[in-house]
């Protein structure tokens, strides 16, 4: 997701383990982010601040995972010797029944667990 569109928070709910994962991270909407795609034809300086990957079946039906990744990226930095850049990324795991997790999900992400599990 483009840095101008992200709210610096993202989440995932796993109904099997009854786990809500929430990440918060630094984001600078005016900064340049590197392209994370495996596509050398795209401009390397038009990337996203937030990426999400969910392993699903490949064309042959196999899977590599299963895994889920919520990834935040720092802005591109062309640092000189001695310069530094910091990027903060926090991960929070909440485990419990849907009735307990739903208010947390609504407060942090603006949607209920029911909405998350029935959207698709």
C-alpha atoms as a PDB file:
ATOM      1  CA  UNK A   1       0.000   0.000   0.000  1.00  0.00           C
ATOM      2  CA  UNK A   2       1.249   3.434  -0.921  1.00  0.00           C
ATOM      3  CA  UNK A   3       2.562   5.558   1.967  1.00  0.00           C
ATOM      4  CA  UNK A   4      -0.067   8.214   1.233  1.00  0.00           C
ATOM      5  CA  UNK A   5      -2.871   5.675   1.722  1.00  0.00           C
ATOM      6  CA  UNK A   6      -1.765   3.700   4.771  1.00  0.00           C
ATOM      7  CA  UNK A   7      -2.850   4.594   8.286  1.00  0.00           C
ATOM      8  CA  UNK A   8       0.361   3.126   9.783  1.00  0.00           C
ATOM      9  CA  UNK A   9      -1.597   0.167  11.159  1.00  0.00           C
ATOM     10  CA  UNK A  10      -2.650  -3.172   9.683  1.00  0.00           C
ATOM     11  CA  UNK A  11      -3.994  -6.447  10.948  1.00  0.00           C
ATOM     12  CA  UNK A  12      -4.890 -10.058  10.320  1.00  0.00           C
ATOM     13  CA  UNK A  13      -7.277 -12.458  12.019  1.00  0.00           C
ATOM     14  CA  UNK A  14      -6.737 -16.229  12.035  1.00  0.00           C
ATOM     15  CA  UNK A  15     -10.025 -17.914  13.019  1.00  0.00           C
ATOM     16  CA  UNK A  16      -8.362 -21.314  13.494  1.00  0.00           C
ATOM     17  CA  UNK A  17      -5.941 -20.120  16.181  1.00  0.00           C
ATOM     18  CA  UNK A  18      -8.299 -17.304  17.278  1.00  0.00           C
ATOM     19  CA  UNK A  19      -5.414 -14.848  16.924  1.00  0.00           C
ATOM     20  CA  UNK A  20      -5.646 -11.186  15.957  1.00  0.00           C
ATOM     21  CA  UNK A  21      -2.295  -9.810  14.803  1.00  0.00           C
ATOM     22  CA  UNK A  22      -1.884  -6.036  14.589  1.00  0.00           C
ATOM     23  CA  UNK A  23       1.153  -4.122  13.388  1.00  0.00           C
ATOM     24  CA  UNK A  24       1.925  -0.444  13.803  1.00  0.00           C
ATOM     25  CA  UNK A  25       4.790   1.275  12.057  1.00  0.00           C
ATOM     26  CA  UNK A  26       6.414   4.541  11.081  1.00  0.00           C
ATOM     27  CA  UNK A  27       5.325   5.981   7.750  1.00  0.00           C
ATOM     28  CA  UNK A  28       6.193   9.204   5.921  1.00  0.00           C
ATOM     29  CA  UNK A  29       3.615  10.032   3.216  1.00  0.00           C
ATOM     30  CA  UNK A  30       5.984  12.482   1.532  1.00  0.00           C
ATOM     31  CA  UNK A  31       8.939  10.066   1.312  1.00  0.00           C
ATOM     32  CA  UNK A  32      10.123   7.844  -1.543  1.00  0.00           C
ATOM     33  CA  UNK A  33       9.745   4.077  -1.021  1.00  0.00           C
ATOM     34  CA  UNK A  34      11.516   1.318  -2.929  1.00  0.00           C
ATOM     35  CA  UNK A  35       9.605  -0.986  -5.255  1.00  0.00           C
ATOM     36  CA  UNK A  36       9.442  -4.419  -3.544  1.00  0.00           C
ATOM     37  CA  UNK A  37       7.994  -6.253  -6.560  1.00  0.00           C
ATOM     38  CA  UNK A  38       9.941  -8.819  -8.530  1.00  0.00           C
ATOM     39  CA  UNK A  39       9.456  -6.687 -11.625  1.00  0.00           C
ATOM     40  CA  UNK A  40      12.591  -5.024 -13.000  1.00  0.00           C
ATOM     41  CA  UNK A  41      10.493  -3.110 -15.546  1.00  0.00           C
ATOM     42  CA  UNK A  42       8.933  -0.924 -12.808  1.00  0.00           C
ATOM     43  CA  UNK A  43      10.577   2.206 -11.481  1.00  0.00           C
ATOM     44  CA  UNK A  44      12.603   1.120  -8.413  1.00  0.00           C
ATOM     45  CA  UNK A  45      11.621   4.324  -6.576  1.00  0.00           C
ATOM     46  CA  UNK A  46       7.826   3.871  -6.741  1.00  0.00           C
ATOM     47  CA  UNK A  47       7.223   1.385  -3.954  1.00  0.00           C
ATOM     48  CA  UNK A  48       4.916   0.900  -1.016  1.00  0.00           C
ATOM     49  CA  UNK A  49       5.139   1.452   2.730  1.00  0.00           C
ATOM     50  CA  UNK A  50       2.982  -1.593   3.556  1.00  0.00           C
ATOM     51  CA  UNK A  51       2.925  -5.041   1.976  1.00  0.00           C
ATOM     52  CA  UNK A  52       0.831  -8.072   2.895  1.00  0.00           C
ATOM     53  CA  UNK A  53       1.396 -11.608   1.671  1.00  0.00           C
ATOM     54  CA  UNK A  54      -0.919 -14.543   2.260  1.00  0.00           C
ATOM     55  CA  UNK A  55       0.239 -17.910   0.933  1.00  0.00           C
ATOM     56  CA  UNK A  56      -2.393 -19.620  -1.120  1.00  0.00           C
ATOM     57  CA  UNK A  57      -2.406 -22.438  -3.615  1.00  0.00           C
ATOM     58  CA  UNK A  58      -0.063 -22.197  -6.584  1.00  0.00           C
ATOM     59  CA  UNK A  59      -1.269 -23.000 -10.099  1.00  0.00           C
ATOM     60  CA  UNK A  60      -0.447 -26.687  -9.550  1.00  0.00           C
ATOM     61  CA  UNK A  61      -2.430 -26.737  -6.266  1.00  0.00           C
ATOM     62  CA  UNK A  62       0.607 -26.910  -3.979  1.00  0.00           C
ATOM     63  CA  UNK A  63       1.478 -24.312  -1.362  1.00  0.00           C
ATOM     64  CA  UNK A  64       4.807 -22.988  -0.122  1.00  0.00           C
ATOM     65  CA  UNK A  65       3.601 -22.140   3.390  1.00  0.00           C
ATOM     66  CA  UNK A  66       1.196 -21.748   4.919  1.00  0.00           C
ATOM     67  CA  UNK A  67       2.283 -18.294   5.983  1.00  0.00           C
ATOM     68  CA  UNK A  68       1.129 -14.716   6.301  1.00  0.00           C
ATOM     69  CA  UNK A  69       3.341 -11.669   6.272  1.00  0.00           C
ATOM     70  CA  UNK A  70       2.511  -8.096   7.245  1.00  0.00           C
ATOM     71  CA  UNK A  71       5.515  -6.019   6.248  1.00  0.00           C
ATOM     72  CA  UNK A  72       6.218  -2.333   6.684  1.00  0.00           C
ATOM     73  CA  UNK A  73       9.064  -0.652   4.860  1.00  0.00           C
ATOM     74  CA  UNK A  74      11.167   2.348   5.721  1.00  0.00           C
ATOM     75  CA  UNK A  75      11.550   5.123   3.171  1.00  0.00           C
ATOM     76  CA  UNK A  76      14.400   4.808   0.700  1.00  0.00           C
ATOM     77  CA  UNK A  77      17.545   6.289   2.188  1.00  0.00           C
ATOM     78  CA  UNK A  78      20.642   7.296   0.310  1.00  0.00           C
ATOM     79  CA  UNK A  79      22.826   7.572   3.405  1.00  0.00           C
ATOM     80  CA  UNK A  80      26.289   9.021   3.559  1.00  0.00           C
ATOM     81  CA  UNK A  81      28.938   7.457   5.806  1.00  0.00           C
ATOM     82  CA  UNK A  82      27.998   8.084   9.432  1.00  0.00           C
ATOM     83  CA  UNK A  83      24.323   8.842   8.675  1.00  0.00           C
ATOM     84  CA  UNK A  84      21.538   6.594   9.913  1.00  0.00           C
ATOM     85  CA  UNK A  85      17.828   5.982   9.574  1.00  0.00           C
ATOM     86  CA  UNK A  86      15.527   4.284  12.052  1.00  0.00           C
ATOM     87  CA  UNK A  87      12.233   2.567  11.329  1.00  0.00           C
ATOM     88  CA  UNK A  88       9.879   1.363  14.069  1.00  0.00           C
ATOM     89  CA  UNK A  89       7.653  -1.676  13.447  1.00  0.00           C
ATOM     90  CA  UNK A  90       5.611  -3.152  16.321  1.00  0.00           C
ATOM     91  CA  UNK A  91       3.780  -6.499  16.321  1.00  0.00           C
ATOM     92  CA  UNK A  92       0.940  -7.313  18.729  1.00  0.00           C
ATOM     93  CA  UNK A  93      -0.771 -10.717  19.030  1.00  0.00           C
ATOM     94  CA  UNK A  94      -4.140 -10.998  20.775  1.00  0.00           C
ATOM     95  CA  UNK A  95      -5.561 -14.486  21.356  1.00  0.00           C
ATOM     96  CA  UNK A  96      -9.086 -15.251  22.536  1.00  0.00           C
ATOM     97  CA  UNK A  97     -12.680 -15.834  21.592  1.00  0.00           C
ATOM     98  CA  UNK A  98     -14.219 -13.748  18.821  1.00  0.00           C
ATOM     99  CA  UNK A  99     -16.454 -11.940  21.331  1.00  0.00           C
ATOM    100  CA  UNK A 100     -13.377 -10.767  23.250  1.00  0.00           C
ATOM    101  CA  UNK A 101     -11.237  -9.928  20.203  1.00  0.00           C
ATOM    102  CA  UNK A 102     -13.904  -8.121  18.196  1.00  0.00           C
ATOM    103  CA  UNK A 103     -13.947  -4.935  20.329  1.00  0.00           C
ATOM    104  CA  UNK A 104     -10.135  -4.791  20.093  1.00  0.00           C
ATOM    105  CA  UNK A 105     -10.326  -5.212  16.328  1.00  0.00           C
ATOM    106  CA  UNK A 106     -13.021  -2.525  16.054  1.00  0.00           C
ATOM    107  CA  UNK A 107     -11.069  -0.057  18.207  1.00  0.00           C
ATOM    108  CA  UNK A 108      -7.742  -0.549  16.419  1.00  0.00           C
ATOM    109  CA  UNK A 109      -8.771  -1.368  12.841  1.00  0.00           C
ATOM    110  CA  UNK A 110     -12.308   0.000  12.541  1.00  0.00           C
ATOM    111  CA  UNK A 111     -13.970  -3.331  11.676  1.00  0.00           C
ATOM    112  CA  UNK A 112     -15.419  -6.213  13.678  1.00  0.00           C
ATOM    113  CA  UNK A 113     -14.078  -9.760  13.594  1.00  0.00           C
ATOM    114  CA  UNK A 114     -17.386 -10.767  11.963  1.00  0.00           C
ATOM    115  CA  UNK A 115     -16.791  -8.264   9.149  1.00  0.00           C
ATOM    116  CA  UNK A 116     -13.249  -9.567   8.668  1.00  0.00           C
ATOM    117  CA  UNK A 117     -14.353 -13.208   8.467  1.00  0.00           C
ATOM    118  CA  UNK A 118     -17.296 -12.623   6.105  1.00  0.00           C
ATOM    119  CA  UNK A 119     -15.994  -9.984   3.675  1.00  0.00           C
ATOM    120  CA  UNK A 120     -14.973 -12.488   0.975  1.00  0.00           C
END
